[in-house]
Amino acid sequence: PSTGAEVSGLVVGGVLSLAGIGAAFVVFMRRPELRARALERFAGVHSFLFNKWYFDELFDAAFVRPGGTLGRFGRNVVESTFVQGFLVGGTVGIVRAGTSIARSIQTGELRSYALVLVMGVGGLVLYFLVVST
């Protein structure tokens, strides 16, 4: 754009801003009854602009409520059911079953422990003999 277009744009913007300041001065300082009449006549527009275009309500409906719902789903279903119930509960169940088997095997007799040790070493030796050939 040329310099003339920039200057004319600045002049038009300045004139419009001064006109807005003048109109606000007249409506709010000189003739406040105009404000009351305009409020009655344009109640819907006033409500829309006063509530900031209902942007907060729109943001709440579009992001906050779905985010809260997703968070509750994560807490109630994913965390409680899957993580605590399946992963942690399943691991605890496996450990309990393993310790139950280990308790039933333990007799407290040294000879039986030595026999299991000798059988384990013998199994390893046999495995390595078979694999190495």
C-alpha atoms as a PDB file:
ATOM      1  CA  PRO A   1       0.000   0.000   0.000  1.00  0.00           C
ATOM      2  CA  SER A   2       1.037   3.542  -0.609  1.00  0.00           C
ATOM      3  CA  THR A   3       1.779   6.074   2.088  1.00  0.00           C
ATOM      4  CA  GLY A   4      -1.454   7.906   1.293  1.00  0.00           C
ATOM      5  CA  ALA A   5      -3.509   4.811   2.145  1.00  0.00           C
ATOM      6  CA  GLU A   6      -1.724   4.488   5.484  1.00  0.00           C
ATOM      7  CA  VAL A   7      -2.293   8.145   6.345  1.00  0.00           C
ATOM      8  CA  SER A   8      -5.945   8.045   5.335  1.00  0.00           C
ATOM      9  CA  GLY A   9      -6.438   4.892   7.409  1.00  0.00           C
ATOM     10  CA  LEU A  10      -4.870   6.571  10.434  1.00  0.00           C
ATOM     11  CA  VAL A  11      -6.991   9.705   9.949  1.00  0.00           C
ATOM     12  CA  VAL A  12     -10.217   7.706   9.635  1.00  0.00           C
ATOM     13  CA  GLY A  13      -9.329   5.677  12.741  1.00  0.00           C
ATOM     14  CA  GLY A  14      -8.510   8.817  14.715  1.00  0.00           C
ATOM     15  CA  VAL A  15     -11.763  10.541  13.683  1.00  0.00           C
ATOM     16  CA  LEU A  16     -13.797   7.442  14.603  1.00  0.00           C
ATOM     17  CA  SER A  17     -12.113   7.176  17.998  1.00  0.00           C
ATOM     18  CA  LEU A  18     -12.752  10.867  18.742  1.00  0.00           C
ATOM     19  CA  ALA A  19     -16.384  10.452  17.663  1.00  0.00           C
ATOM     20  CA  GLY A  20     -16.713   7.487  20.034  1.00  0.00           C
ATOM     21  CA  ILE A  21     -15.222   9.453  22.900  1.00  0.00           C
ATOM     22  CA  GLY A  22     -17.587  12.349  22.170  1.00  0.00           C
ATOM     23  CA  ALA A  23     -20.618  10.047  21.994  1.00  0.00           C
ATOM     24  CA  ALA A  24     -19.650   8.402  25.286  1.00  0.00           C
ATOM     25  CA  PHE A  25     -19.243  11.817  26.914  1.00  0.00           C
ATOM     26  CA  VAL A  26     -22.704  12.909  25.753  1.00  0.00           C
ATOM     27  CA  VAL A  27     -24.404   9.654  26.779  1.00  0.00           C
ATOM     28  CA  PHE A  28     -22.736   9.202  30.170  1.00  0.00           C
ATOM     29  CA  MET A  29     -22.126  12.792  31.315  1.00  0.00           C
ATOM     30  CA  ARG A  30     -24.500  15.206  29.577  1.00  0.00           C
ATOM     31  CA  ARG A  31     -27.636  13.111  29.021  1.00  0.00           C
ATOM     32  CA  PRO A  32     -27.693   9.976  31.193  1.00  0.00           C
ATOM     33  CA  GLU A  33     -31.350   9.349  30.342  1.00  0.00           C
ATOM     34  CA  LEU A  34     -30.215   8.312  26.849  1.00  0.00           C
ATOM     35  CA  ARG A  35     -28.374   5.423  28.401  1.00  0.00           C
ATOM     36  CA  ALA A  36     -31.476   4.198  30.237  1.00  0.00           C
ATOM     37  CA  ARG A  37     -33.617   4.423  27.077  1.00  0.00           C
ATOM     38  CA  ALA A  38     -30.986   2.656  24.970  1.00  0.00           C
ATOM     39  CA  LEU A  39     -30.726  -0.063  27.613  1.00  0.00           C
ATOM     40  CA  GLU A  40     -34.483  -0.642  27.468  1.00  0.00           C
ATOM     41  CA  ARG A  41     -34.578  -0.588  23.671  1.00  0.00           C
ATOM     42  CA  PHE A  42     -31.510  -2.819  23.083  1.00  0.00           C
ATOM     43  CA  ALA A  43     -31.773  -5.125  26.110  1.00  0.00           C
ATOM     44  CA  GLY A  44     -30.699  -8.226  24.156  1.00  0.00           C
ATOM     45  CA  VAL A  45     -27.651  -6.539  22.633  1.00  0.00           C
ATOM     46  CA  HIS A  46     -26.735  -5.086  26.038  1.00  0.00           C
ATOM     47  CA  SER A  47     -27.026  -8.498  27.692  1.00  0.00           C
ATOM     48  CA  PHE A  48     -24.896 -10.103  24.956  1.00  0.00           C
ATOM     49  CA  LEU A  49     -22.172  -7.459  25.204  1.00  0.00           C
ATOM     50  CA  PHE A  50     -22.371  -7.194  29.006  1.00  0.00           C
ATOM     51  CA  ASN A  51     -21.766 -10.947  29.305  1.00  0.00           C
ATOM     52  CA  LYS A  52     -18.668 -10.703  27.067  1.00  0.00           C
ATOM     53  CA  TRP A  53     -20.356 -12.426  24.110  1.00  0.00           C
ATOM     54  CA  TYR A  54     -20.997 -15.384  26.447  1.00  0.00           C
ATOM     55  CA  PHE A  55     -17.422 -16.439  25.733  1.00  0.00           C
ATOM     56  CA  ASP A  56     -16.930 -17.850  29.248  1.00  0.00           C
ATOM     57  CA  GLU A  57     -20.063 -19.987  28.946  1.00  0.00           C
ATOM     58  CA  LEU A  58     -18.987 -21.205  25.512  1.00  0.00           C
ATOM     59  CA  PHE A  59     -15.471 -22.012  26.780  1.00  0.00           C
ATOM     60  CA  ASP A  60     -16.967 -23.823  29.768  1.00  0.00           C
ATOM     61  CA  ALA A  61     -19.264 -25.897  27.553  1.00  0.00           C
ATOM     62  CA  ALA A  62     -16.591 -26.636  24.930  1.00  0.00           C
ATOM     63  CA  PHE A  63     -13.526 -27.351  27.100  1.00  0.00           C
ATOM     64  CA  VAL A  64     -14.057 -27.287  30.876  1.00  0.00           C
ATOM     65  CA  ARG A  65     -17.011 -29.670  31.158  1.00  0.00           C
ATOM     66  CA  PRO A  66     -15.649 -32.226  28.650  1.00  0.00           C
ATOM     67  CA  GLY A  67     -12.259 -32.019  30.375  1.00  0.00           C
ATOM     68  CA  GLY A  68     -13.900 -32.629  33.742  1.00  0.00           C
ATOM     69  CA  THR A  69     -15.829 -35.566  32.331  1.00  0.00           C
ATOM     70  CA  LEU A  70     -12.654 -37.002  30.834  1.00  0.00           C
ATOM     71  CA  GLY A  71     -10.861 -36.525  34.154  1.00  0.00           C
ATOM     72  CA  ARG A  72     -13.628 -38.293  36.080  1.00  0.00           C
ATOM     73  CA  PHE A  73     -13.537 -41.139  33.548  1.00  0.00           C
ATOM     74  CA  GLY A  74      -9.778 -41.398  33.999  1.00  0.00           C
ATOM     75  CA  ARG A  75     -10.066 -41.414  37.769  1.00  0.00           C
ATOM     76  CA  ASN A  76     -13.019 -43.794  38.058  1.00  0.00           C
ATOM     77  CA  VAL A  77     -12.451 -46.199  35.182  1.00  0.00           C
ATOM     78  CA  VAL A  78      -8.795 -46.080  34.192  1.00  0.00           C
ATOM     79  CA  GLU A  79      -7.233 -45.526  37.613  1.00  0.00           C
ATOM     80  CA  SER A  80      -9.657 -47.435  39.842  1.00  0.00           C
ATOM     81  CA  THR A  81     -10.676 -50.290  37.583  1.00  0.00           C
ATOM     82  CA  PHE A  82      -7.729 -50.838  35.259  1.00  0.00           C
ATOM     83  CA  VAL A  83      -4.669 -49.692  37.197  1.00  0.00           C
ATOM     84  CA  GLN A  84      -5.728 -50.530  40.756  1.00  0.00           C
ATOM     85  CA  GLY A  85      -7.935 -53.494  39.910  1.00  0.00           C
ATOM     86  CA  PHE A  86      -6.179 -55.220  37.019  1.00  0.00           C
ATOM     87  CA  LEU A  87      -2.521 -54.172  37.100  1.00  0.00           C
ATOM     88  CA  VAL A  88      -1.921 -53.756  40.822  1.00  0.00           C
ATOM     89  CA  GLY A  89      -4.535 -56.303  41.908  1.00  0.00           C
ATOM     90  CA  GLY A  90      -3.307 -58.827  39.344  1.00  0.00           C
ATOM     91  CA  THR A  91       0.280 -58.389  40.459  1.00  0.00           C
ATOM     92  CA  VAL A  92      -0.729 -58.772  44.083  1.00  0.00           C
ATOM     93  CA  GLY A  93      -2.664 -61.929  43.182  1.00  0.00           C
ATOM     94  CA  ILE A  94       0.333 -63.411  41.395  1.00  0.00           C
ATOM     95  CA  VAL A  95       2.652 -62.607  44.330  1.00  0.00           C
ATOM     96  CA  ARG A  96       0.156 -64.105  46.801  1.00  0.00           C
ATOM     97  CA  ALA A  97      -0.105 -67.299  44.736  1.00  0.00           C
ATOM     98  CA  GLY A  98       3.697 -67.500  44.469  1.00  0.00           C
ATOM     99  CA  THR A  99       4.209 -67.015  48.185  1.00  0.00           C
ATOM    100  CA  SER A 100       1.495 -69.571  48.925  1.00  0.00           C
ATOM    101  CA  ILE A 101       3.348 -72.130  46.797  1.00  0.00           C
ATOM    102  CA  ALA A 102       6.661 -71.155  48.420  1.00  0.00           C
ATOM    103  CA  ARG A 103       5.145 -71.571  51.901  1.00  0.00           C
ATOM    104  CA  SER A 104       3.852 -75.021  51.038  1.00  0.00           C
ATOM    105  CA  ILE A 105       7.287 -76.084  49.739  1.00  0.00           C
ATOM    106  CA  GLN A 106       9.181 -74.856  52.784  1.00  0.00           C
ATOM    107  CA  THR A 107       9.453 -77.591  55.373  1.00  0.00           C
ATOM    108  CA  GLY A 108      12.256 -76.265  57.528  1.00  0.00           C
ATOM    109  CA  GLU A 109      14.397 -79.384  56.951  1.00  0.00           C
ATOM    110  CA  LEU A 110      17.927 -78.713  55.751  1.00  0.00           C
ATOM    111  CA  ARG A 111      18.185 -82.037  53.966  1.00  0.00           C
ATOM    112  CA  SER A 112      15.235 -81.274  51.681  1.00  0.00           C
ATOM    113  CA  TYR A 113      16.691 -77.836  50.830  1.00  0.00           C
ATOM    114  CA  ALA A 114      20.060 -79.434  50.025  1.00  0.00           C
ATOM    115  CA  LEU A 115      18.309 -82.011  47.833  1.00  0.00           C
ATOM    116  CA  VAL A 116      16.512 -79.259  45.885  1.00  0.00           C
ATOM    117  CA  LEU A 117      19.828 -77.405  45.491  1.00  0.00           C
ATOM    118  CA  VAL A 118      21.630 -80.520  44.212  1.00  0.00           C
ATOM    119  CA  MET A 119      18.748 -81.266  41.826  1.00  0.00           C
ATOM    120  CA  GLY A 120      18.844 -77.684  40.486  1.00  0.00           C
ATOM    121  CA  VAL A 121      22.627 -77.773  39.928  1.00  0.00           C
ATOM    122  CA  GLY A 122      22.282 -81.201  38.325  1.00  0.00           C
ATOM    123  CA  GLY A 123      19.582 -79.889  36.015  1.00  0.00           C
ATOM    124  CA  LEU A 124      21.805 -76.973  34.973  1.00  0.00           C
ATOM    125  CA  VAL A 125      24.748 -79.284  34.316  1.00  0.00           C
ATOM    126  CA  LEU A 126      22.549 -81.595  32.269  1.00  0.00           C
ATOM    127  CA  TYR A 127      21.154 -78.638  30.294  1.00  0.00           C
ATOM    128  CA  PHE A 128      24.612 -77.312  29.424  1.00  0.00           C
ATOM    129  CA  LEU A 129      25.816 -80.814  28.482  1.00  0.00           C
ATOM    130  CA  VAL A 130      22.898 -81.303  26.124  1.00  0.00           C
ATOM    131  CA  VAL A 131      23.186 -77.817  24.581  1.00  0.00           C
ATOM    132  CA  SER A 132      26.964 -77.995  24.063  1.00  0.00           C
ATOM    133  CA  THR A 133      26.829 -81.143  21.933  1.00  0.00           C
END
